[in-house]
Amino acid sequence: MALPHPLPEDLADLIARRFRAIAEPMRVRLLDRLRDGEASVNELALQLDASQQNVSKHLAVLTDIGILARRKDGNRVYYRIVDEGVLGLCEQVCGSVQAQLATLAALVEGITPLTPRRST
């Protein structure tokens, strides 16, 4: 699906909201963990070494924006990814970061150490 050009203001705002929702390291880590399947708040907190309150706060943001869905089972709430497009976006960004790191590594390897000049 092609985006209209120029982007209508409402659509630009919606896109920016989604980027803000995932522009937080804990949320990226939560999405990475949820790639393996649904998990409860308790499981996520333990696996990511974070407080339940912190994890719940971040899960709420991702749920409100429509990236995650929740399912209640007794006392537990389980979260899963419902917008698989976010994983594609993360893969693209990760690939871009890897390419940049490879370029930087090649540049660093090609630099010869500076040697002091001898005075004559």
PDB file of N, CA and C in Angstrom:
ATOM      1  N   MET A   1       0.839  -1.170   0.000  1.00  0.00           N
ATOM      2  CA  MET A   1       0.000   0.000   0.000  1.00  0.00           C
ATOM      3  C   MET A   1       0.892   1.244   0.000  1.00  0.00           C
ATOM      4  N   ALA A   2       0.673   2.117  -0.924  1.00  0.00           N
ATOM      5  CA  ALA A   2       1.467   3.341  -1.022  1.00  0.00           C
ATOM      6  C   ALA A   2       0.851   4.430  -0.143  1.00  0.00           C
ATOM      7  N   LEU A   3       1.695   5.155   0.525  1.00  0.00           N
ATOM      8  CA  LEU A   3       1.239   6.279   1.345  1.00  0.00           C
ATOM      9  C   LEU A   3       0.982   7.488   0.456  1.00  0.00           C
ATOM     10  N   PRO A   4      -0.019   8.272   0.807  1.00  0.00           N
ATOM     11  CA  PRO A   4      -0.251   9.496   0.028  1.00  0.00           C
ATOM     12  C   PRO A   4       0.905  10.468   0.236  1.00  0.00           C
ATOM     13  N   HIS A   5       1.162  11.239  -0.797  1.00  0.00           N
ATOM     14  CA  HIS A   5       2.225  12.236  -0.696  1.00  0.00           C
ATOM     15  C   HIS A   5       1.697  13.556  -1.194  1.00  0.00           C
ATOM     16  N   PRO A   6       1.726  14.583  -0.472  1.00  0.00           N
ATOM     17  CA  PRO A   6       2.252  14.676   0.887  1.00  0.00           C
ATOM     18  C   PRO A   6       1.304  14.013   1.889  1.00  0.00           C
ATOM     19  N   LEU A   7       1.879  13.608   3.020  1.00  0.00           N
ATOM     20  CA  LEU A   7       1.091  12.952   4.061  1.00  0.00           C
ATOM     21  C   LEU A   7       0.098  13.934   4.672  1.00  0.00           C
ATOM     22  N   PRO A   8      -1.153  13.502   4.818  1.00  0.00           N
ATOM     23  CA  PRO A   8      -2.094  14.343   5.562  1.00  0.00           C
ATOM     24  C   PRO A   8      -1.624  14.478   7.013  1.00  0.00           C
ATOM     25  N   GLU A   9      -1.916  15.603   7.613  1.00  0.00           N
ATOM     26  CA  GLU A   9      -1.441  15.883   8.966  1.00  0.00           C
ATOM     27  C   GLU A   9      -1.883  14.815   9.963  1.00  0.00           C
ATOM     28  N   ASP A  10      -3.135  14.355   9.879  1.00  0.00           N
ATOM     29  CA  ASP A  10      -3.631  13.332  10.805  1.00  0.00           C
ATOM     30  C   ASP A  10      -2.846  12.033  10.677  1.00  0.00           C
ATOM     31  N   LEU A  11      -2.518  11.650   9.451  1.00  0.00           N
ATOM     32  CA  LEU A  11      -1.758  10.425   9.231  1.00  0.00           C
ATOM     33  C   LEU A  11      -0.330  10.579   9.750  1.00  0.00           C
ATOM     34  N   ALA A  12       0.273  11.723   9.523  1.00  0.00           N
ATOM     35  CA  ALA A  12       1.630  11.982  10.033  1.00  0.00           C
ATOM     36  C   ALA A  12       1.639  11.904  11.559  1.00  0.00           C
ATOM     37  N   ASP A  13       0.609  12.443  12.197  1.00  0.00           N
ATOM     38  CA  ASP A  13       0.514  12.368  13.663  1.00  0.00           C
ATOM     39  C   ASP A  13       0.401  10.928  14.136  1.00  0.00           C
ATOM     40  N   LEU A  14      -0.409  10.131  13.452  1.00  0.00           N
ATOM     41  CA  LEU A  14      -0.579   8.724  13.816  1.00  0.00           C
ATOM     42  C   LEU A  14       0.723   7.952  13.671  1.00  0.00           C
ATOM     43  N   ILE A  15       1.427   8.191  12.583  1.00  0.00           N
ATOM     44  CA  ILE A  15       2.716   7.519  12.356  1.00  0.00           C
ATOM     45  C   ILE A  15       3.710   7.915  13.449  1.00  0.00           C
ATOM     46  N   ALA A  16       3.762   9.194  13.767  1.00  0.00           N
ATOM     47  CA  ALA A  16       4.683   9.672  14.806  1.00  0.00           C
ATOM     48  C   ALA A  16       4.347   9.051  16.161  1.00  0.00           C
ATOM     49  N   ARG A  17       3.064   8.885  16.468  1.00  0.00           N
ATOM     50  CA  ARG A  17       2.662   8.250  17.738  1.00  0.00           C
ATOM     51  C   ARG A  17       3.175   6.822  17.820  1.00  0.00           C
ATOM     52  N   ARG A  18       3.108   6.106  16.708  1.00  0.00           N
ATOM     53  CA  ARG A  18       3.596   4.706  16.706  1.00  0.00           C
ATOM     54  C   ARG A  18       5.114   4.677  16.899  1.00  0.00           C
ATOM     55  N   PHE A  19       5.821   5.572  16.244  1.00  0.00           N
ATOM     56  CA  PHE A  19       7.274   5.615  16.422  1.00  0.00           C
ATOM     57  C   PHE A  19       7.624   5.966  17.868  1.00  0.00           C
ATOM     58  N   ARG A  20       6.909   6.914  18.458  1.00  0.00           N
ATOM     59  CA  ARG A  20       7.166   7.262  19.865  1.00  0.00           C
ATOM     60  C   ARG A  20       6.892   6.073  20.777  1.00  0.00           C
ATOM     61  N   ALA A  21       5.884   5.284  20.437  1.00  0.00           N
ATOM     62  CA  ALA A  21       5.525   4.140  21.283  1.00  0.00           C
ATOM     63  C   ALA A  21       6.641   3.102  21.333  1.00  0.00           C
ATOM     64  N   ILE A  22       7.353   2.932  20.248  1.00  0.00           N
ATOM     65  CA  ILE A  22       8.423   1.922  20.260  1.00  0.00           C
ATOM     66  C   ILE A  22       9.806   2.529  20.480  1.00  0.00           C
ATOM     67  N   ALA A  23       9.876   3.838  20.626  1.00  0.00           N
ATOM     68  CA  ALA A  23      11.160   4.525  20.776  1.00  0.00           C
ATOM     69  C   ALA A  23      11.611   4.554  22.232  1.00  0.00           C
ATOM     70  N   GLU A  24      11.601   3.399  22.871  1.00  0.00           N
ATOM     71  CA  GLU A  24      12.005   3.282  24.269  1.00  0.00           C
ATOM     72  C   GLU A  24      12.653   1.920  24.424  1.00  0.00           C
ATOM     73  N   PRO A  25      13.863   1.833  24.963  1.00  0.00           N
ATOM     74  CA  PRO A  25      14.571   0.552  25.022  1.00  0.00           C
ATOM     75  C   PRO A  25      13.786  -0.585  25.682  1.00  0.00           C
ATOM     76  N   MET A  26      13.083  -0.317  26.769  1.00  0.00           N
ATOM     77  CA  MET A  26      12.335  -1.396  27.421  1.00  0.00           C
ATOM     78  C   MET A  26      11.241  -1.932  26.504  1.00  0.00           C
ATOM     79  N   ARG A  27      10.609  -1.064  25.745  1.00  0.00           N
ATOM     80  CA  ARG A  27       9.553  -1.513  24.833  1.00  0.00           C
ATOM     81  C   ARG A  27      10.132  -2.344  23.698  1.00  0.00           C
ATOM     82  N   VAL A  28      11.294  -1.975  23.219  1.00  0.00           N
ATOM     83  CA  VAL A  28      11.964  -2.777  22.188  1.00  0.00           C
ATOM     84  C   VAL A  28      12.300  -4.152  22.756  1.00  0.00           C
ATOM     85  N   ARG A  29      12.786  -4.192  23.991  1.00  0.00           N
ATOM     86  CA  ARG A  29      13.099  -5.473  24.640  1.00  0.00           C
ATOM     87  C   ARG A  29      11.839  -6.317  24.840  1.00  0.00           C
ATOM     88  N   LEU A  30      10.735  -5.685  25.215  1.00  0.00           N
ATOM     89  CA  LEU A  30       9.471  -6.409  25.369  1.00  0.00           C
ATOM     90  C   LEU A  30       9.021  -7.004  24.040  1.00  0.00           C
ATOM     91  N   LEU A  31       9.085  -6.211  22.980  1.00  0.00           N
ATOM     92  CA  LEU A  31       8.707  -6.716  21.666  1.00  0.00           C
ATOM     93  C   LEU A  31       9.601  -7.870  21.245  1.00  0.00           C
ATOM     94  N   ASP A  32      10.889  -7.756  21.517  1.00  0.00           N
ATOM     95  CA  ASP A  32      11.822  -8.824  21.176  1.00  0.00           C
ATOM     96  C   ASP A  32      11.442 -10.114  21.904  1.00  0.00           C
ATOM     97  N   ARG A  33      11.134 -10.008  23.180  1.00  0.00           N
ATOM     98  CA  ARG A  33      10.740 -11.192  23.958  1.00  0.00           C
ATOM     99  C   ARG A  33       9.422 -11.764  23.457  1.00  0.00           C
ATOM    100  N   LEU A  34       8.470 -10.907  23.113  1.00  0.00           N
ATOM    101  CA  LEU A  34       7.156 -11.367  22.678  1.00  0.00           C
ATOM    102  C   LEU A  34       7.173 -11.967  21.271  1.00  0.00           C
ATOM    103  N   ARG A  35       8.290 -11.843  20.568  1.00  0.00           N
ATOM    104  CA  ARG A  35       8.419 -12.540  19.278  1.00  0.00           C
ATOM    105  C   ARG A  35       8.316 -14.040  19.478  1.00  0.00           C
ATOM    106  N   ASP A  36       8.690 -14.512  20.673  1.00  0.00           N
ATOM    107  CA  ASP A  36       8.647 -15.946  20.988  1.00  0.00           C
ATOM    108  C   ASP A  36       7.248 -16.422  21.357  1.00  0.00           C
ATOM    109  N   GLY A  37       6.303 -15.517  21.529  1.00  0.00           N
ATOM    110  CA  GLY A  37       4.943 -15.880  21.892  1.00  0.00           C
ATOM    111  C   GLY A  37       4.476 -15.096  23.097  1.00  0.00           C
ATOM    112  N   GLU A  38       3.210 -15.296  23.437  1.00  0.00           N
ATOM    113  CA  GLU A  38       2.622 -14.510  24.517  1.00  0.00           C
ATOM    114  C   GLU A  38       3.286 -14.819  25.846  1.00  0.00           C
ATOM    115  N   ALA A  39       3.181 -13.844  26.739  1.00  0.00           N
ATOM    116  CA  ALA A  39       3.767 -13.988  28.071  1.00  0.00           C
ATOM    117  C   ALA A  39       2.990 -13.113  29.044  1.00  0.00           C
ATOM    118  N   SER A  40       3.064 -13.498  30.310  1.00  0.00           N
ATOM    119  CA  SER A  40       2.408 -12.714  31.354  1.00  0.00           C
ATOM    120  C   SER A  40       3.331 -11.590  31.807  1.00  0.00           C
ATOM    121  N   VAL A  41       2.745 -10.634  32.498  1.00  0.00           N
ATOM    122  CA  VAL A  41       3.528  -9.526  33.044  1.00  0.00           C
ATOM    123  C   VAL A  41       4.622 -10.076  33.962  1.00  0.00           C
ATOM    124  N   ASN A  42       4.268 -11.041  34.802  1.00  0.00           N
ATOM    125  CA  ASN A  42       5.250 -11.628  35.730  1.00  0.00           C
ATOM    126  C   ASN A  42       6.413 -12.260  34.978  1.00  0.00           C
ATOM    127  N   GLU A  43       6.108 -13.036  33.951  1.00  0.00           N
ATOM    128  CA  GLU A  43       7.160 -13.681  33.165  1.00  0.00           C
ATOM    129  C   GLU A  43       8.073 -12.640  32.521  1.00  0.00           C
ATOM    130  N   LEU A  44       7.465 -11.630  31.935  1.00  0.00           N
ATOM    131  CA  LEU A  44       8.253 -10.587  31.272  1.00  0.00           C
ATOM    132  C   LEU A  44       9.125  -9.839  32.268  1.00  0.00           C
ATOM    133  N   ALA A  45       8.573  -9.519  33.438  1.00  0.00           N
ATOM    134  CA  ALA A  45       9.344  -8.799  34.455  1.00  0.00           C
ATOM    135  C   ALA A  45      10.554  -9.624  34.887  1.00  0.00           C
ATOM    136  N   LEU A  46      10.356 -10.909  35.101  1.00  0.00           N
ATOM    137  CA  LEU A  46      11.471 -11.775  35.508  1.00  0.00           C
ATOM    138  C   LEU A  46      12.519 -11.885  34.405  1.00  0.00           C
ATOM    139  N   GLN A  47      12.070 -12.124  33.185  1.00  0.00           N
ATOM    140  CA  GLN A  47      13.006 -12.319  32.076  1.00  0.00           C
ATOM    141  C   GLN A  47      13.791 -11.060  31.728  1.00  0.00           C
ATOM    142  N   LEU A  48      13.178  -9.905  31.944  1.00  0.00           N
ATOM    143  CA  LEU A  48      13.841  -8.652  31.589  1.00  0.00           C
ATOM    144  C   LEU A  48      14.428  -7.938  32.795  1.00  0.00           C
ATOM    145  N   ASP A  49      14.353  -8.591  33.950  1.00  0.00           N
ATOM    146  CA  ASP A  49      14.904  -8.035  35.191  1.00  0.00           C
ATOM    147  C   ASP A  49      14.381  -6.615  35.429  1.00  0.00           C
ATOM    148  N   ALA A  50      13.064  -6.508  35.423  1.00  0.00           N
ATOM    149  CA  ALA A  50      12.405  -5.214  35.617  1.00  0.00           C
ATOM    150  C   ALA A  50      11.246  -5.410  36.594  1.00  0.00           C
ATOM    151  N   SER A  51      10.769  -4.322  37.135  1.00  0.00           N
ATOM    152  CA  SER A  51       9.633  -4.412  38.059  1.00  0.00           C
ATOM    153  C   SER A  51       8.346  -4.673  37.273  1.00  0.00           C
ATOM    154  N   GLN A  52       7.394  -5.317  37.927  1.00  0.00           N
ATOM    155  CA  GLN A  52       6.097  -5.569  37.294  1.00  0.00           C
ATOM    156  C   GLN A  52       5.417  -4.251  36.929  1.00  0.00           C
ATOM    157  N   GLN A  53       5.545  -3.267  37.786  1.00  0.00           N
ATOM    158  CA  GLN A  53       4.923  -1.968  37.537  1.00  0.00           C
ATOM    159  C   GLN A  53       5.500  -1.321  36.270  1.00  0.00           C
ATOM    160  N   ASN A  54       6.814  -1.376  36.122  1.00  0.00           N
ATOM    161  CA  ASN A  54       7.471  -0.797  34.955  1.00  0.00           C
ATOM    162  C   ASN A  54       7.052  -1.537  33.678  1.00  0.00           C
ATOM    163  N   VAL A  55       7.072  -2.854  33.739  1.00  0.00           N
ATOM    164  CA  VAL A  55       6.682  -3.655  32.574  1.00  0.00           C
ATOM    165  C   VAL A  55       5.227  -3.373  32.205  1.00  0.00           C
ATOM    166  N   SER A  56       4.346  -3.337  33.201  1.00  0.00           N
ATOM    167  CA  SER A  56       2.929  -3.068  32.949  1.00  0.00           C
ATOM    168  C   SER A  56       2.719  -1.720  32.270  1.00  0.00           C
ATOM    169  N   LYS A  57       3.465  -0.729  32.712  1.00  0.00           N
ATOM    170  CA  LYS A  57       3.356   0.615  32.127  1.00  0.00           C
ATOM    171  C   LYS A  57       3.716   0.594  30.641  1.00  0.00           C
ATOM    172  N   HIS A  58       4.795  -0.077  30.314  1.00  0.00           N
ATOM    173  CA  HIS A  58       5.232  -0.138  28.918  1.00  0.00           C
ATOM    174  C   HIS A  58       4.296  -0.994  28.069  1.00  0.00           C
ATOM    175  N   LEU A  59       3.801  -2.078  28.634  1.00  0.00           N
ATOM    176  CA  LEU A  59       2.853  -2.919  27.907  1.00  0.00           C
ATOM    177  C   LEU A  59       1.568  -2.149  27.605  1.00  0.00           C
ATOM    178  N   ALA A  60       1.141  -1.317  28.536  1.00  0.00           N
ATOM    179  CA  ALA A  60      -0.072  -0.513  28.329  1.00  0.00           C
ATOM    180  C   ALA A  60       0.098   0.429  27.145  1.00  0.00           C
ATOM    181  N   VAL A  61       1.273   1.043  27.017  1.00  0.00           N
ATOM    182  CA  VAL A  61       1.529   1.956  25.891  1.00  0.00           C
ATOM    183  C   VAL A  61       1.446   1.191  24.573  1.00  0.00           C
ATOM    184  N   LEU A  62       2.083   0.025  24.520  1.00  0.00           N
ATOM    185  CA  LEU A  62       2.093  -0.767  23.287  1.00  0.00           C
ATOM    186  C   LEU A  62       0.709  -1.330  22.965  1.00  0.00           C
ATOM    187  N   THR A  63      -0.076  -1.607  23.993  1.00  0.00           N
ATOM    188  CA  THR A  63      -1.441  -2.098  23.789  1.00  0.00           C
ATOM    189  C   THR A  63      -2.341  -0.968  23.305  1.00  0.00           C
ATOM    190  N   ASP A  64      -2.229   0.200  23.919  1.00  0.00           N
ATOM    191  CA  ASP A  64      -3.064   1.348  23.547  1.00  0.00           C
ATOM    192  C   ASP A  64      -2.866   1.756  22.091  1.00  0.00           C
ATOM    193  N   ILE A  65      -1.651   1.591  21.579  1.00  0.00           N
ATOM    194  CA  ILE A  65      -1.363   2.002  20.208  1.00  0.00           C
ATOM    195  C   ILE A  65      -1.733   0.901  19.201  1.00  0.00           C
ATOM    196  N   GLY A  66      -2.092  -0.300  19.713  1.00  0.00           N
ATOM    197  CA  GLY A  66      -2.543  -1.381  18.836  1.00  0.00           C
ATOM    198  C   GLY A  66      -1.474  -2.353  18.399  1.00  0.00           C
ATOM    199  N   ILE A  67      -0.304  -2.294  19.010  1.00  0.00           N
ATOM    200  CA  ILE A  67       0.774  -3.214  18.647  1.00  0.00           C
ATOM    201  C   ILE A  67       0.603  -4.542  19.385  1.00  0.00           C
ATOM    202  N   LEU A  68       0.140  -4.482  20.626  1.00  0.00           N
ATOM    203  CA  LEU A  68      -0.080  -5.681  21.439  1.00  0.00           C
ATOM    204  C   LEU A  68      -1.560  -5.858  21.738  1.00  0.00           C
ATOM    205  N   ALA A  69      -1.912  -7.090  22.096  1.00  0.00           N
ATOM    206  CA  ALA A  69      -3.243  -7.388  22.622  1.00  0.00           C
ATOM    207  C   ALA A  69      -3.042  -8.129  23.935  1.00  0.00           C
ATOM    208  N   ARG A  70      -4.053  -8.045  24.779  1.00  0.00           N
ATOM    209  CA  ARG A  70      -3.971  -8.706  26.076  1.00  0.00           C
ATOM    210  C   ARG A  70      -5.092  -9.717  26.215  1.00  0.00           C
ATOM    211  N   ARG A  71      -4.805 -10.753  27.003  1.00  0.00           N
ATOM    212  CA  ARG A  71      -5.778 -11.797  27.283  1.00  0.00           C
ATOM    213  C   ARG A  71      -5.699 -12.086  28.764  1.00  0.00           C
ATOM    214  N   LYS A  72      -6.856 -12.058  29.412  1.00  0.00           N
ATOM    215  CA  LYS A  72      -6.901 -12.304  30.851  1.00  0.00           C
ATOM    216  C   LYS A  72      -7.241 -13.772  31.086  1.00  0.00           C
ATOM    217  N   ASP A  73      -6.493 -14.394  31.999  1.00  0.00           N
ATOM    218  CA  ASP A  73      -6.732 -15.785  32.372  1.00  0.00           C
ATOM    219  C   ASP A  73      -6.627 -15.865  33.894  1.00  0.00           C
ATOM    220  N   GLY A  74      -7.756 -15.796  34.564  1.00  0.00           N
ATOM    221  CA  GLY A  74      -7.756 -15.761  36.028  1.00  0.00           C
ATOM    222  C   GLY A  74      -7.135 -14.472  36.512  1.00  0.00           C
ATOM    223  N   ASN A  75      -6.106 -14.611  37.340  1.00  0.00           N
ATOM    224  CA  ASN A  75      -5.405 -13.432  37.878  1.00  0.00           C
ATOM    225  C   ASN A  75      -4.341 -12.895  36.926  1.00  0.00           C
ATOM    226  N   ARG A  76      -4.019 -13.650  35.927  1.00  0.00           N
ATOM    227  CA  ARG A  76      -2.914 -13.263  35.036  1.00  0.00           C
ATOM    228  C   ARG A  76      -3.409 -12.630  33.750  1.00  0.00           C
ATOM    229  N   VAL A  77      -2.587 -11.714  33.256  1.00  0.00           N
ATOM    230  CA  VAL A  77      -2.843 -11.075  31.966  1.00  0.00           C
ATOM    231  C   VAL A  77      -1.681 -11.440  31.052  1.00  0.00           C
ATOM    232  N   TYR A  78      -2.017 -11.947  29.876  1.00  0.00           N
ATOM    233  CA  TYR A  78      -1.010 -12.344  28.900  1.00  0.00           C
ATOM    234  C   TYR A  78      -1.030 -11.364  27.736  1.00  0.00           C
ATOM    235  N   TYR A  79       0.158 -11.058  27.234  1.00  0.00           N
ATOM    236  CA  TYR A  79       0.300 -10.117  26.118  1.00  0.00           C
ATOM    237  C   TYR A  79       0.901 -10.842  24.923  1.00  0.00           C
ATOM    238  N   ARG A  80       0.483 -10.397  23.739  1.00  0.00           N
ATOM    239  CA  ARG A  80       1.028 -10.952  22.494  1.00  0.00           C
ATOM    240  C   ARG A  80       1.057  -9.846  21.440  1.00  0.00           C
ATOM    241  N   ILE A  81       1.896 -10.024  20.463  1.00  0.00           N
ATOM    242  CA  ILE A  81       1.999  -9.066  19.361  1.00  0.00           C
ATOM    243  C   ILE A  81       0.855  -9.336  18.381  1.00  0.00           C
ATOM    244  N   VAL A  82       0.108  -8.297  18.041  1.00  0.00           N
ATOM    245  CA  VAL A  82      -0.961  -8.434  17.046  1.00  0.00           C
ATOM    246  C   VAL A  82      -0.631  -7.667  15.767  1.00  0.00           C
ATOM    247  N   ASP A  83       0.269  -6.722  15.839  1.00  0.00           N
ATOM    248  CA  ASP A  83       0.691  -5.984  14.651  1.00  0.00           C
ATOM    249  C   ASP A  83       2.082  -6.483  14.265  1.00  0.00           C
ATOM    250  N   GLU A  84       2.104  -7.511  13.425  1.00  0.00           N
ATOM    251  CA  GLU A  84       3.372  -8.121  13.011  1.00  0.00           C
ATOM    252  C   GLU A  84       4.246  -7.149  12.220  1.00  0.00           C
ATOM    253  N   GLY A  85       3.650  -6.089  11.695  1.00  0.00           N
ATOM    254  CA  GLY A  85       4.414  -5.093  10.955  1.00  0.00           C
ATOM    255  C   GLY A  85       5.499  -4.452  11.794  1.00  0.00           C
ATOM    256  N   VAL A  86       5.278  -4.371  13.102  1.00  0.00           N
ATOM    257  CA  VAL A  86       6.281  -3.768  13.982  1.00  0.00           C
ATOM    258  C   VAL A  86       7.559  -4.611  13.995  1.00  0.00           C
ATOM    259  N   LEU A  87       7.417  -5.924  13.824  1.00  0.00           N
ATOM    260  CA  LEU A  87       8.608  -6.778  13.776  1.00  0.00           C
ATOM    261  C   LEU A  87       9.407  -6.525  12.506  1.00  0.00           C
ATOM    262  N   GLY A  88       8.717  -6.317  11.405  1.00  0.00           N
ATOM    263  CA  GLY A  88       9.404  -5.981  10.155  1.00  0.00           C
ATOM    264  C   GLY A  88      10.155  -4.673  10.273  1.00  0.00           C
ATOM    265  N   LEU A  89       9.528  -3.707  10.932  1.00  0.00           N
ATOM    266  CA  LEU A  89      10.183  -2.419  11.156  1.00  0.00           C
ATOM    267  C   LEU A  89      11.435  -2.592  12.001  1.00  0.00           C
ATOM    268  N   CYS A  90      11.324  -3.380  13.070  1.00  0.00           N
ATOM    269  CA  CYS A  90      12.485  -3.630  13.939  1.00  0.00           C
ATOM    270  C   CYS A  90      13.598  -4.331  13.166  1.00  0.00           C
ATOM    271  N   GLU A  91      13.232  -5.277  12.304  1.00  0.00           N
ATOM    272  CA  GLU A  91      14.236  -5.979  11.488  1.00  0.00           C
ATOM    273  C   GLU A  91      14.948  -5.006  10.547  1.00  0.00           C
ATOM    274  N   GLN A  92      14.179  -4.088   9.946  1.00  0.00           N
ATOM    275  CA  GLN A  92      14.783  -3.109   9.039  1.00  0.00           C
ATOM    276  C   GLN A  92      15.760  -2.209   9.792  1.00  0.00           C
ATOM    277  N   VAL A  93      15.344  -1.728  10.943  1.00  0.00           N
ATOM    278  CA  VAL A  93      16.210  -0.844  11.728  1.00  0.00           C
ATOM    279  C   VAL A  93      17.448  -1.606  12.185  1.00  0.00           C
ATOM    280  N   CYS A  94      17.257  -2.841  12.630  1.00  0.00           N
ATOM    281  CA  CYS A  94      18.394  -3.651  13.083  1.00  0.00           C
ATOM    282  C   CYS A  94      19.377  -3.877  11.933  1.00  0.00           C
ATOM    283  N   GLY A  95      18.865  -4.182  10.754  1.00  0.00           N
ATOM    284  CA  GLY A  95      19.729  -4.379   9.592  1.00  0.00           C
ATOM    285  C   GLY A  95      20.496  -3.119   9.252  1.00  0.00           C
ATOM    286  N   SER A  96      19.835  -1.978   9.367  1.00  0.00           N
ATOM    287  CA  SER A  96      20.484  -0.702   9.096  1.00  0.00           C
ATOM    288  C   SER A  96      21.592  -0.430  10.116  1.00  0.00           C
ATOM    289  N   VAL A  97      21.301  -0.710  11.378  1.00  0.00           N
ATOM    290  CA  VAL A  97      22.304  -0.510  12.435  1.00  0.00           C
ATOM    291  C   VAL A  97      23.493  -1.432  12.201  1.00  0.00           C
ATOM    292  N   GLN A  98      23.228  -2.686  11.841  1.00  0.00           N
ATOM    293  CA  GLN A  98      24.323  -3.625  11.576  1.00  0.00           C
ATOM    294  C   GLN A  98      25.198  -3.138  10.418  1.00  0.00           C
ATOM    295  N   ALA A  99      24.581  -2.617   9.375  1.00  0.00           N
ATOM    296  CA  ALA A  99      25.349  -2.110   8.235  1.00  0.00           C
ATOM    297  C   ALA A  99      26.209  -0.916   8.648  1.00  0.00           C
ATOM    298  N   GLN A 100      25.654  -0.024   9.458  1.00  0.00           N
ATOM    299  CA  GLN A 100      26.423   1.129   9.935  1.00  0.00           C
ATOM    300  C   GLN A 100      27.597   0.680  10.796  1.00  0.00           C
ATOM    301  N   LEU A 101      27.358  -0.292  11.665  1.00  0.00           N
ATOM    302  CA  LEU A 101      28.442  -0.794  12.523  1.00  0.00           C
ATOM    303  C   LEU A 101      29.543  -1.449  11.691  1.00  0.00           C
ATOM    304  N   ALA A 102      29.146  -2.186  10.664  1.00  0.00           N
ATOM    305  CA  ALA A 102      30.145  -2.823   9.799  1.00  0.00           C
ATOM    306  C   ALA A 102      30.981  -1.767   9.074  1.00  0.00           C
ATOM    307  N   THR A 103      30.334  -0.716   8.611  1.00  0.00           N
ATOM    308  CA  THR A 103      31.048   0.370   7.939  1.00  0.00           C
ATOM    309  C   THR A 103      32.017   1.047   8.903  1.00  0.00           C
ATOM    310  N   LEU A 104      31.549   1.338  10.119  1.00  0.00           N
ATOM    311  CA  LEU A 104      32.419   1.955  11.121  1.00  0.00           C
ATOM    312  C   LEU A 104      33.596   1.054  11.475  1.00  0.00           C
ATOM    313  N   ALA A 105      33.329  -0.247  11.624  1.00  0.00           N
ATOM    314  CA  ALA A 105      34.404  -1.189  11.946  1.00  0.00           C
ATOM    315  C   ALA A 105      35.452  -1.215  10.834  1.00  0.00           C
ATOM    316  N   ALA A 106      34.989  -1.200   9.581  1.00  0.00           N
ATOM    317  CA  ALA A 106      35.923  -1.189   8.454  1.00  0.00           C
ATOM    318  C   ALA A 106      36.750   0.087   8.450  1.00  0.00           C
ATOM    319  N   LEU A 107      36.118   1.208   8.776  1.00  0.00           N
ATOM    320  CA  LEU A 107      36.861   2.469   8.823  1.00  0.00           C
ATOM    321  C   LEU A 107      37.903   2.445   9.929  1.00  0.00           C
ATOM    322  N   VAL A 108      37.526   1.945  11.093  1.00  0.00           N
ATOM    323  CA  VAL A 108      38.453   1.894  12.229  1.00  0.00           C
ATOM    324  C   VAL A 108      39.622   0.963  11.916  1.00  0.00           C
ATOM    325  N   GLU A 109      39.342  -0.166  11.291  1.00  0.00           N
ATOM    326  CA  GLU A 109      40.411  -1.103  10.947  1.00  0.00           C
ATOM    327  C   GLU A 109      41.376  -0.507   9.929  1.00  0.00           C
ATOM    328  N   GLY A 110      40.884   0.383   9.082  1.00  0.00           N
ATOM    329  CA  GLY A 110      41.720   0.983   8.046  1.00  0.00           C
ATOM    330  C   GLY A 110      42.555   2.155   8.526  1.00  0.00           C
ATOM    331  N   ILE A 111      42.318   2.599   9.751  1.00  0.00           N
ATOM    332  CA  ILE A 111      43.069   3.736  10.277  1.00  0.00           C
ATOM    333  C   ILE A 111      44.398   3.232  10.820  1.00  0.00           C
ATOM    334  N   THR A 112      45.456   3.892  10.385  1.00  0.00           N
ATOM    335  CA  THR A 112      46.765   3.520  10.920  1.00  0.00           C
ATOM    336  C   THR A 112      47.039   4.382  12.147  1.00  0.00           C
ATOM    337  N   PRO A 113      47.666   3.787  13.147  1.00  0.00           N
ATOM    338  CA  PRO A 113      47.931   4.563  14.359  1.00  0.00           C
ATOM    339  C   PRO A 113      48.847   5.741  14.046  1.00  0.00           C
ATOM    340  N   LEU A 114      48.619   6.822  14.724  1.00  0.00           N
ATOM    341  CA  LEU A 114      49.461   7.988  14.549  1.00  0.00           C
ATOM    342  C   LEU A 114      50.808   7.741  15.238  1.00  0.00           C
ATOM    343  N   THR A 115      51.836   8.046  14.512  1.00  0.00           N
ATOM    344  CA  THR A 115      53.162   7.907  15.118  1.00  0.00           C
ATOM    345  C   THR A 115      53.742   9.293  15.306  1.00  0.00           C
ATOM    346  N   PRO A 116      54.394   9.494  16.422  1.00  0.00           N
ATOM    347  CA  PRO A 116      54.959  10.832  16.646  1.00  0.00           C
ATOM    348  C   PRO A 116      56.020  11.148  15.602  1.00  0.00           C
ATOM    349  N   ARG A 117      56.075  12.390  15.185  1.00  0.00           N
ATOM    350  CA  ARG A 117      57.084  12.831  14.221  1.00  0.00           C
ATOM    351  C   ARG A 117      58.410  13.024  14.937  1.00  0.00           C
ATOM    352  N   ARG A 118      59.434  12.691  14.220  1.00  0.00           N
ATOM    353  CA  ARG A 118      60.764  12.935  14.794  1.00  0.00           C
ATOM    354  C   ARG A 118      61.200  14.332  14.430  1.00  0.00           C
ATOM    355  N   SER A 119      61.759  14.969  15.398  1.00  0.00           N
ATOM    356  CA  SER A 119      62.256  16.315  15.093  1.00  0.00           C
ATOM    357  C   SER A 119      63.659  16.200  14.505  1.00  0.00           C
ATOM    358  N   THR A 120      63.946  17.064  13.571  1.00  0.00           N
ATOM    359  CA  THR A 120      65.268  17.034  12.914  1.00  0.00           C
ATOM    360  C   THR A 120      66.164  18.119  13.348  1.00  0.00           C
TER     361      THR A 120
END
